[in-house]
Protein backbone atom coordinates (compact mmCIF):
# COMPACT_ATOMS: atom_id res chain seq x y z
CA MET A 1 0.02 -0.13 0.01
CA GLU A 2 2.91 2.24 0.71
CA GLN A 3 4.31 1.86 -2.86
CA LYS A 4 0.73 2.54 -4.33
CA ALA A 5 0.27 5.75 -2.24
CA LYS A 6 3.83 6.90 -3.43
CA VAL A 7 2.99 6.45 -7.08
CA ASN A 8 -0.48 8.01 -6.62
CA LYS A 9 0.91 11.00 -5.00
CA TYR A 10 3.53 11.25 -7.90
CA ILE A 11 0.81 11.01 -10.34
CA LEU A 12 -1.35 13.69 -8.69
CA THR A 13 1.46 16.21 -8.27
CA SER A 14 3.29 15.80 -11.53
CA SER A 15 2.34 16.65 -15.25
CA ASN A 16 3.29 14.88 -18.40
CA LYS A 17 4.68 11.88 -16.75
CA ILE A 18 2.24 9.15 -18.12
CA LYS A 19 3.32 7.15 -21.23
CA ILE A 20 1.77 3.92 -22.78
CA ASN A 21 4.56 3.62 -25.35
CA SER A 22 8.01 2.72 -23.94
CA LYS A 23 9.73 4.36 -26.86
CA ASP A 24 8.12 7.62 -25.62
CA LEU A 25 9.66 7.51 -22.27
CA ILE A 26 12.25 9.82 -20.73
CA LYS A 27 13.62 9.74 -17.23
CA ASN A 28 11.20 9.84 -14.33
CA ASP A 29 8.25 9.16 -16.48
CA ILE A 30 5.54 6.40 -15.66
CA PHE A 31 4.92 3.44 -17.91
CA ILE A 32 1.61 2.06 -18.09
CA ALA A 33 1.74 -1.55 -19.25
CA LEU A 34 -1.57 -2.16 -21.22
CA ARG A 35 -3.11 -5.13 -22.52
CA GLY A 36 -2.69 -4.92 -26.45
CA SER A 37 -4.30 -7.18 -29.05
CA LYS A 38 -1.11 -8.92 -29.65
CA TYR A 39 1.14 -8.23 -26.38
CA HIS A 40 0.80 -7.26 -22.94
CA GLY A 41 2.74 -4.29 -21.76
CA ASN A 42 4.65 -6.34 -19.45
CA LYS A 43 6.90 -7.25 -22.55
CA PHE A 44 8.35 -3.51 -22.46
CA ILE A 45 8.79 -3.09 -18.77
CA ASN A 46 12.46 -3.75 -18.94
CA GLU A 47 12.90 -1.39 -21.81
CA ALA A 48 10.92 1.16 -19.77
CA ILE A 49 13.16 0.82 -16.69
CA LYS A 50 16.31 1.11 -19.02
CA ALA A 51 14.82 4.38 -20.42
CA GLY A 52 14.61 5.72 -16.81
CA ALA A 53 10.94 5.16 -15.58
CA LYS A 54 10.30 5.98 -12.28
CA TYR A 55 7.45 3.52 -11.86
CA CYS A 56 5.78 0.94 -14.20
CA ILE A 57 2.18 -0.12 -13.46
CA THR A 58 0.72 -3.33 -14.54
CA ASP A 59 -1.98 -5.69 -13.72
CA LYS A 60 -0.37 -8.86 -15.00
CA TYR A 61 1.79 -10.59 -12.29
CA SER A 62 5.30 -11.71 -13.40
CA TYR A 63 7.97 -13.29 -11.06
CA LYS A 64 10.41 -11.17 -12.76
CA PHE A 65 9.21 -8.02 -11.17
CA LYS A 66 8.04 -9.38 -7.71
CA TYR A 67 10.83 -7.45 -5.76
CA ASN A 68 11.22 -4.48 -8.06
CA LYS A 69 10.10 -1.51 -6.08
CA ASN A 70 9.65 0.42 -9.38
CA VAL A 71 6.81 -1.95 -10.66
CA LEU A 72 3.40 -1.50 -9.13
CA LEU A 73 0.89 -4.37 -9.50
CA VAL A 74 -2.75 -3.46 -9.53
CA ASP A 75 -6.04 -5.38 -9.92
CA ASP A 76 -7.03 -3.73 -13.19
CA THR A 77 -5.00 -1.18 -14.94
CA PHE A 78 -7.83 0.57 -16.59
CA VAL A 79 -9.93 0.81 -13.22
CA PHE A 80 -6.57 2.15 -11.52
CA LEU A 81 -6.44 4.86 -14.13
CA LYS A 82 -9.99 5.87 -14.12
CA ASP A 83 -10.07 6.28 -10.23
CA LEU A 84 -7.02 8.35 -10.18
CA SER A 85 -8.18 10.48 -12.95
CA ILE A 86 -11.30 11.26 -11.26
CA LYS A 87 -9.17 12.05 -8.08
CA LYS A 88 -7.00 14.37 -10.06
CA ARG A 89 -9.83 16.05 -11.81
CA SER A 90 -11.26 16.81 -8.44
CA LEU A 91 -8.22 18.76 -7.44
CA PHE A 92 -8.09 21.08 -10.43
CA LYS A 93 -9.39 24.39 -9.71
CA GLY A 94 -8.79 26.11 -13.13
CA GLU A 95 -11.00 26.52 -15.98
CA VAL A 96 -11.66 23.28 -17.89
CA ILE A 97 -12.72 23.63 -21.60
CA GLY A 98 -14.20 20.47 -23.44
CA ILE A 99 -14.27 20.27 -27.26
CA THR A 100 -16.33 17.84 -29.18
CA GLY A 101 -17.73 17.83 -32.73
CA SER A 102 -17.48 15.58 -36.07
CA ALA A 103 -14.27 17.26 -37.17
CA GLY A 104 -11.77 19.91 -36.20
CA LYS A 105 -11.51 18.96 -32.39
CA THR A 106 -7.71 18.79 -32.46
CA SER A 107 -7.25 21.82 -34.63
CA LEU A 108 -9.45 24.05 -32.35
CA LYS A 109 -7.85 22.58 -29.28
CA GLU A 110 -4.24 23.28 -30.69
CA ASN A 111 -5.28 26.90 -31.85
CA LEU A 112 -6.87 27.90 -28.53
CA LYS A 113 -3.81 26.57 -26.62
CA PHE A 114 -1.49 28.54 -29.29
CA PHE A 115 -3.24 31.90 -28.07
CA LEU A 116 -3.83 31.10 -24.55
CA LYS A 117 -0.36 30.02 -23.54
CA LYS A 118 0.97 33.42 -24.51
CA LYS A 119 -0.44 34.67 -21.33
CA TYR A 120 -1.59 31.75 -19.15
CA LYS A 121 -0.32 28.16 -17.97
CA ILE A 122 -2.24 25.84 -20.04
CA SER A 123 -2.62 21.97 -20.05
CA ALA A 124 -4.02 20.36 -22.92
CA SER A 125 -4.72 16.67 -24.36
CA ILE A 126 -2.06 15.51 -26.49
CA LYS A 127 -2.45 14.38 -30.28
CA SER A 128 -6.06 13.14 -30.69
CA TYR A 129 -6.56 11.63 -27.20
CA ASN A 130 -10.33 11.77 -27.05
CA ASN A 131 -11.59 8.20 -26.29
CA GLU A 132 -11.90 6.87 -22.75
CA LEU A 133 -8.30 6.03 -22.32
CA GLY A 134 -7.03 9.14 -24.00
CA VAL A 135 -9.14 11.28 -21.92
CA MET A 136 -8.05 9.70 -18.61
CA LEU A 137 -4.24 9.92 -19.77
CA SER A 138 -4.71 13.54 -20.69
CA ILE A 139 -6.37 14.09 -17.09
CA LEU A 140 -3.54 12.53 -15.33
CA ASN A 141 -1.01 14.41 -17.42
CA MET A 142 -2.45 17.44 -16.50
CA ASN A 143 -0.77 20.01 -14.37
CA ILE A 144 -3.16 20.99 -11.61
CA ASN A 145 -1.77 24.52 -11.43
CA SER A 146 -2.73 25.38 -14.77
CA ASP A 147 -5.16 28.32 -15.51
CA TYR A 148 -6.88 26.39 -18.18
CA ALA A 149 -7.00 22.77 -19.13
CA ILE A 150 -8.47 21.88 -22.72
CA PHE A 151 -9.84 18.29 -23.39
CA GLU A 152 -10.82 16.59 -26.51
CA ILE A 153 -14.16 14.47 -26.19
CA GLY A 154 -14.72 12.04 -29.07
CA THR A 155 -17.25 9.49 -29.91
CA ASN A 156 -18.07 6.89 -32.58
CA ASN A 157 -21.15 5.28 -30.93
CA PHE A 158 -24.09 6.18 -28.54
CA GLY A 159 -23.43 6.93 -25.00
CA GLU A 160 -19.80 7.69 -25.29
CA ILE A 161 -19.86 11.48 -24.94
CA LYS A 162 -21.78 11.36 -21.46
CA ASP A 163 -19.33 8.91 -20.09
CA LEU A 164 -16.35 11.12 -21.01
CA THR A 165 -18.20 14.17 -19.89
CA LYS A 166 -18.60 12.69 -16.58
CA LEU A 167 -14.81 12.36 -16.31
CA VAL A 168 -13.77 15.91 -17.79
CA LYS A 169 -16.63 18.03 -16.31
CA PRO A 170 -15.88 21.02 -18.50
CA SER A 171 -17.28 24.35 -17.69
CA GLN A 172 -17.11 25.82 -21.19
CA VAL A 173 -17.85 23.57 -24.21
CA PHE A 174 -17.33 23.80 -28.03
CA ILE A 175 -19.11 21.70 -30.42
CA THR A 176 -17.28 22.38 -33.66
CA ASN A 177 -19.61 20.85 -36.30
CA ILE A 178 -21.98 17.88 -36.97
CA LEU A 179 -20.96 16.18 -40.18
CA SER A 180 -21.30 12.90 -41.81
CA THR A 181 -19.17 10.72 -39.55
CA HIS A 182 -19.46 7.14 -38.02
CA LEU A 183 -22.86 6.77 -39.85
CA GLU A 184 -22.41 3.06 -39.57
CA ASN A 185 -23.40 3.36 -35.99
CA PHE A 186 -25.31 6.76 -35.76
CA LYS A 187 -27.32 6.36 -39.10
CA ASN A 188 -27.74 10.09 -39.54
CA LYS A 189 -26.60 13.53 -38.57
CA ILE A 190 -29.56 14.21 -36.06
CA ASN A 191 -28.43 11.41 -33.96
CA ILE A 192 -24.87 12.54 -33.99
CA ALA A 193 -26.15 16.15 -32.82
CA LYS A 194 -28.11 14.48 -29.92
CA GLU A 195 -24.85 12.46 -28.90
CA LYS A 196 -22.62 15.38 -29.11
CA SER A 197 -25.22 17.50 -27.04
CA ASP A 198 -24.66 15.21 -24.11
CA ILE A 199 -21.44 17.48 -23.47
CA PHE A 200 -23.68 20.17 -21.99
CA ASN A 201 -26.26 17.97 -20.35
CA LYS A 202 -26.32 18.88 -16.55
CA LYS A 203 -27.34 15.35 -15.76
CA TYR A 204 -23.86 14.38 -16.60
CA ASN A 205 -21.98 17.68 -16.14
CA ASP A 206 -23.47 20.23 -13.65
CA PHE A 207 -20.30 22.28 -14.12
CA VAL A 208 -21.19 23.47 -17.45
CA LYS A 209 -21.88 27.19 -17.90
CA THR A 210 -21.27 28.22 -21.58
CA LEU A 211 -21.68 26.65 -25.04
CA TYR A 212 -19.99 27.72 -28.34
CA PHE A 213 -21.18 25.97 -31.30
CA GLN A 214 -21.65 26.18 -35.29
CA ASN A 215 -25.26 26.63 -36.28
CA ASN A 216 -25.51 26.32 -39.90
CA THR A 217 -27.42 23.13 -40.66
CA ARG A 218 -30.48 21.48 -39.45
CA ALA A 219 -28.69 18.95 -37.42
CA GLU A 220 -26.70 21.80 -35.70
CA SER A 221 -30.09 23.69 -34.91
CA ILE A 222 -30.97 20.72 -32.74
CA ILE A 223 -28.11 21.66 -30.35
CA ASN A 224 -29.61 25.06 -29.95
CA ASN A 225 -32.95 23.64 -28.88
CA LEU A 226 -31.36 20.98 -26.49
CA ALA A 227 -29.16 23.78 -25.03
CA LYS A 228 -32.15 26.05 -24.36
CA LYS A 229 -33.62 23.08 -22.36
CA GLN A 230 -30.51 22.81 -20.22
CA LYS A 231 -30.81 26.70 -19.35
CA LEU A 232 -27.24 27.25 -19.74
CA LYS A 233 -25.77 30.62 -18.67
CA LYS A 234 -24.42 31.53 -22.23
CA ILE A 235 -25.39 29.94 -25.62
CA ILE A 236 -23.27 31.37 -28.33
CA LYS A 237 -23.97 30.59 -32.04
CA VAL A 238 -21.29 30.68 -34.66
CA GLY A 239 -21.79 30.48 -38.48
CA LYS A 240 -23.63 32.08 -41.13
CA ASN A 241 -27.20 32.97 -40.63
CA ASP A 242 -28.88 34.08 -37.36
CA VAL A 243 -25.81 33.83 -35.28
CA ASP A 244 -24.05 35.78 -32.59
CA CYS A 245 -20.49 35.52 -34.58
CA TYR A 246 -19.83 35.32 -38.26
CA ILE A 247 -17.75 36.32 -41.23
CA LYS A 248 -19.11 39.79 -42.16
CA ASN A 249 -16.76 40.45 -45.26
CA LYS A 250 -13.78 39.12 -47.03
CA LYS A 251 -11.62 40.09 -49.96
CA TYR A 252 -8.31 39.45 -51.34
CA LYS A 253 -5.89 42.47 -51.00
CA ASN A 254 -2.14 42.88 -51.57
CA SER A 255 -1.52 39.19 -51.42
CA ASN A 256 -3.44 38.59 -48.26
CA HIS A 257 -6.96 37.79 -47.40
CA GLU A 258 -8.60 40.62 -45.47
CA ILE A 259 -11.39 39.23 -43.11
CA ILE A 260 -13.91 41.27 -41.23
CA LEU A 261 -15.38 39.14 -38.44
CA LYS A 262 -18.56 40.15 -36.44
CA ILE A 263 -18.27 39.08 -32.73
CA PHE A 264 -21.23 40.23 -30.61
CA ASN A 265 -21.88 43.16 -32.57
CA LYS A 266 -18.25 44.40 -32.83
CA SER A 267 -15.98 44.09 -35.97
CA PHE A 268 -12.48 42.61 -35.97
CA LYS A 269 -10.14 42.79 -38.98
CA ILE A 270 -7.72 40.00 -39.48
CA LEU A 271 -5.09 39.45 -42.32
CA ILE A 272 -4.13 35.93 -43.40
CA ASN A 273 -1.97 34.59 -46.21
CA ASP A 274 -4.32 31.56 -46.94
CA TYR A 275 -8.15 31.30 -46.64
CA GLU A 276 -9.25 28.14 -45.21
CA GLU A 277 -12.93 28.29 -43.89
CA HIS A 278 -12.19 25.94 -40.93
CA ARG A 279 -9.21 28.08 -39.70
CA VAL A 280 -11.11 31.23 -39.88
CA THR A 281 -13.95 29.47 -37.93
CA ASN A 282 -11.48 28.66 -35.29
CA LEU A 283 -10.60 32.16 -34.98
CA ILE A 284 -14.10 33.22 -34.54
CA PHE A 285 -14.48 30.58 -31.81
CA ILE A 286 -11.45 31.76 -30.22
CA LEU A 287 -12.16 35.65 -30.44
CA THR A 288 -15.49 34.85 -29.00
CA PHE A 289 -13.86 32.73 -26.17
CA PHE A 290 -11.56 35.40 -25.13
CA ILE A 291 -14.31 38.06 -25.21
CA VAL A 292 -16.57 35.97 -23.02
CA ASN A 293 -13.59 35.28 -20.52
CA LYS A 294 -12.56 38.90 -20.57
CA ILE A 295 -9.29 38.37 -22.17
CA ASN A 296 -7.45 40.93 -24.47
CA THR A 297 -8.22 39.96 -28.09
CA ASP A 298 -5.02 41.85 -29.41
CA VAL A 299 -2.98 38.64 -29.11
CA VAL A 300 -5.43 36.73 -31.61
CA ILE A 301 -5.58 39.68 -34.15
CA LYS A 302 -1.91 40.22 -34.11
CA ASN A 303 -1.13 36.43 -34.65
CA ALA A 304 -3.83 35.34 -36.45
CA ASN A 305 -1.53 34.67 -39.58
CA ASN A 306 0.90 32.71 -37.30
CA ILE A 307 -1.15 29.71 -36.23
CA PRO A 308 0.88 26.54 -36.73
CA PHE A 309 -0.77 23.88 -38.70
CA VAL A 310 -1.55 20.63 -37.06
CA GLU A 311 0.05 17.55 -38.31
CA GLY A 312 -2.11 15.60 -40.87
CA ARG A 313 -4.75 18.29 -40.85
CA GLY A 314 -3.40 20.61 -43.34
CA SER A 315 0.30 20.60 -42.46
CA ARG A 316 2.54 21.85 -45.13
CA HIS A 317 5.86 20.22 -45.83
CA ASN A 318 8.70 20.52 -48.69
CA VAL A 319 9.68 17.13 -50.22
CA LEU A 320 11.90 16.00 -52.81
CA LEU A 321 10.57 13.76 -55.54
CA ASN A 322 12.52 12.90 -58.57
CA LYS A 323 15.04 15.61 -57.23
CA LEU A 324 12.13 17.98 -57.64
CA LYS A 325 10.94 20.31 -54.82
CA ILE A 326 7.32 19.26 -54.24
CA LYS A 327 4.85 20.97 -51.85
CA LEU A 328 2.85 18.47 -49.78
CA ILE A 329 -0.32 19.44 -48.09
CA ASP A 330 -1.11 16.61 -45.61
CA GLU A 331 -4.94 16.25 -44.72
CA SER A 332 -4.56 12.54 -44.35
CA TYR A 333 -5.48 12.21 -40.37
CA ASN A 334 -9.11 11.73 -41.23
CA ALA A 335 -11.99 12.38 -43.62
CA ASN A 336 -15.61 12.65 -44.18
CA PRO A 337 -17.70 14.03 -47.20
CA GLU A 338 -17.77 17.49 -46.02
CA THR A 339 -14.14 17.94 -44.80
CA MET A 340 -13.04 16.29 -48.16
CA ILE A 341 -14.99 18.73 -50.37
CA ASN A 342 -13.70 21.71 -48.22
CA SER A 343 -10.30 20.53 -48.59
CA ILE A 344 -10.73 20.14 -52.17
CA ASN A 345 -12.00 23.67 -52.42
CA ASN A 346 -9.08 25.16 -50.43
CA PHE A 347 -6.61 23.15 -52.66
CA SER A 348 -8.24 24.53 -55.80
CA LYS A 349 -8.00 28.16 -54.52
CA ILE A 350 -4.23 27.99 -54.01
CA LYS A 351 -2.62 30.39 -56.52
CA ASP A 352 0.72 28.98 -57.92
CA ASN A 353 0.98 29.15 -61.85
CA ASN A 354 4.47 27.49 -61.70
CA CYS A 355 3.22 24.29 -60.13
CA SER A 356 0.89 21.45 -61.27
CA LYS A 357 -1.64 20.31 -58.78
CA ILE A 358 -1.96 16.70 -57.93
CA LEU A 359 -4.90 15.57 -55.70
CA ILE A 360 -4.60 12.20 -54.10
CA LEU A 361 -7.78 11.02 -52.26
CA GLY A 362 -8.47 7.79 -50.21
CA ASN A 363 -11.27 5.96 -48.64
CA MET A 364 -13.67 7.70 -46.29
CA ASN A 365 -14.68 5.05 -43.76
CA GLU A 366 -17.66 4.43 -41.39
CA LEU A 367 -20.12 5.84 -43.78
CA GLY A 368 -22.58 2.79 -43.65
CA ARG A 369 -24.93 2.22 -46.34
CA LYS A 370 -24.19 5.79 -47.88
CA THR A 371 -20.82 4.88 -48.63
CA LEU A 372 -21.01 4.61 -52.39
CA THR A 373 -23.23 7.62 -52.79
CA LEU A 374 -20.96 9.94 -50.81
CA HIS A 375 -17.86 8.70 -52.46
CA CYS A 376 -19.67 9.61 -56.05
CA LYS A 377 -20.66 12.95 -54.36
CA VAL A 378 -16.79 13.81 -53.97
CA ILE A 379 -16.03 12.87 -57.50
CA LYS A 380 -18.78 15.05 -58.82
CA HIS A 381 -17.66 17.90 -56.70
CA ILE A 382 -14.00 17.30 -58.13
CA GLU A 383 -15.35 17.92 -61.52
CA ILE A 384 -16.07 21.61 -60.67
CA HIS A 385 -12.32 22.25 -60.50
CA SER A 386 -9.31 21.49 -62.65
CA PHE A 387 -6.40 19.59 -61.32
CA GLU A 388 -3.52 18.21 -63.35
CA ARG A 389 -4.15 14.47 -61.93
CA VAL A 390 -6.59 13.11 -59.42
CA ILE A 391 -5.36 9.86 -57.97
CA LEU A 392 -7.73 7.69 -56.23
CA CYS A 393 -7.14 4.95 -53.94
CA GLY A 394 -9.26 2.47 -51.94
CA ASN A 395 -12.33 0.05 -53.11
CA PHE A 396 -14.97 2.71 -52.33
CA PHE A 397 -13.42 5.16 -54.74
CA LYS A 398 -12.59 2.35 -57.22
CA LYS A 399 -16.41 1.46 -57.30
CA ALA A 400 -17.51 5.02 -57.37
CA LEU A 401 -15.06 5.84 -60.25
CA SER A 402 -16.45 3.07 -62.22
CA MET A 403 -19.95 4.68 -62.03
CA PHE A 404 -18.73 7.69 -64.17
CA SER A 405 -17.70 8.22 -67.79
CA ASP A 406 -16.42 11.43 -69.65
CA LEU A 407 -14.67 12.91 -66.66
CA LYS A 408 -12.82 16.32 -67.62
CA ASN A 409 -9.96 15.79 -65.06
CA LYS A 410 -7.35 12.98 -65.48
CA TYR A 411 -8.21 10.26 -63.10
CA VAL A 412 -5.83 7.39 -62.23
CA TYR A 413 -6.87 4.44 -59.69
CA LYS A 414 -4.10 3.00 -57.63
CA SER A 415 -4.62 0.36 -55.02
CA SER A 416 -1.81 0.75 -52.64
CA THR A 417 0.75 3.12 -51.28
CA ARG A 418 3.49 1.48 -53.23
CA ASN A 419 1.57 1.68 -56.50
CA ILE A 420 0.87 5.58 -55.94
CA MET A 421 4.52 6.29 -55.20
CA SER A 422 5.50 4.36 -58.23
CA TYR A 423 3.15 6.32 -60.39
CA LEU A 424 4.35 9.79 -58.82
CA MET A 425 8.08 8.67 -59.59
CA GLN A 426 7.25 7.95 -63.20
CA ASN A 427 5.17 10.81 -63.97
CA VAL A 428 6.14 13.97 -61.83
CA HIS A 429 8.56 15.81 -63.90
CA LYS A 430 7.86 19.44 -62.99
CA LYS A 431 7.20 21.20 -59.65
CA ALA A 432 3.89 20.35 -58.05
CA ILE A 433 1.67 20.71 -55.20
CA ILE A 434 0.23 17.28 -53.79
CA MET A 435 -2.63 17.25 -51.49
CA VAL A 436 -3.50 14.10 -49.80
CA LYS A 437 -6.74 13.48 -48.04
CA SER A 438 -8.28 10.18 -46.49
CA SER A 439 -9.54 8.55 -43.38
CA ASN A 440 -6.99 7.20 -40.89
CA ASP A 441 -5.41 3.94 -41.47
CA THR A 442 -5.64 3.84 -45.15
CA GLU A 443 -3.36 3.42 -47.92
CA VAL A 444 -3.28 7.16 -48.58
CA ASN A 445 -2.78 7.84 -44.99
CA LYS A 446 0.46 5.62 -45.11
CA LEU A 447 1.43 7.51 -48.40
CA ALA A 448 1.71 10.77 -46.56
CA LYS A 449 3.94 9.38 -44.05
CA VAL A 450 6.14 8.00 -46.81
CA LEU A 451 6.06 11.40 -48.42
CA LYS A 452 7.20 13.17 -45.42
CA LEU A 453 10.10 10.79 -44.93
CA LYS A 454 11.39 12.55 -48.18
CA LYS A 455 11.56 16.00 -46.64
CA GLU A 456 13.76 18.39 -48.46
CA GLY A 457 17.27 18.61 -46.92
């Protein structure tokens, strides 16, 4: 018990110490030996200790570690993490922000963190840690002395948002959007909206005070109706029509996009190099948050053009292909029909007459019975624009492509990362901009990783 008490105290009073991958460990970290589909984490305990782990936590007994004071044996690792995350959350006295939505959770989290950390001490979930394990790890890695803690809350099935909301207990919540994601389980966007709305349901979270959400569609309007029933202190709508915060005007001027944002009847002018609607929407969310929390907005206006891209979500890379400098736009982290169409629009708007544009798209997963229809919809949308080449990959796009004839763009179907790379090596002979977009764990997602290994220099 004395050993467990020491470990508990160390986790509760430290930050960013919990790791589940032994390769990520640095000295004085804690390694959590989880049960995997192929191996139990016990296999990597020795590696973790050699890397400098202060403690290792496991629920699988091994005589090898019986007398090792660095190894804590618990009944159930998952239960141990959950109980301790509840305890640590109860100790935190700062402002807790929860972000959910169909897409853009990680980008909004990273953008908000970018601006807030210029003045405040911030804790935020790493990567896209938004399932139950990820949320628990994010809480346990939180610095309890932070002014703000930002958490992503995700779902791919009914009932998950309420369980994560009970853990995080955010006082201010964002719902980025409601889009065509996880339709295999949710069936339609109305169900998605209802599920996401559990983040502000006082039955699961009596801490909630403020809701920020996009209100552009019928599904998103359901959020507004549900929020009113919860009698939240502030319900703030962002979008295009009948909302509190929106884009009033935009124009291209002197190689910059000049955007006028209307936030609570006050106008803000921002200048950015590249116009992408979701990044501007994030700026609206952030300016609104700053105003609500009485934080000076100058830091947002002055740094609007300096927001770093998030890896796999529009990140830019310079790579070498056939000894040619190629610009890569990596949108390969995930995809649904709406975000794929938005990415195609943004790619089409890029002005560079010296480069050919190559669009590479991979499967959009978890779309249920609408899978073929929605992949066809994307191809129809591509035809509004002109690209040097369009490379499609994955069985869904293969079947969708077979439904068309007489397309104006030049389409190529390739079944694997290797085949796409081979095609690019044989056919790219001048400077190009390549954009890749797909769901996670697809061949195009793997392609993005391969291309980034060819970074210039």
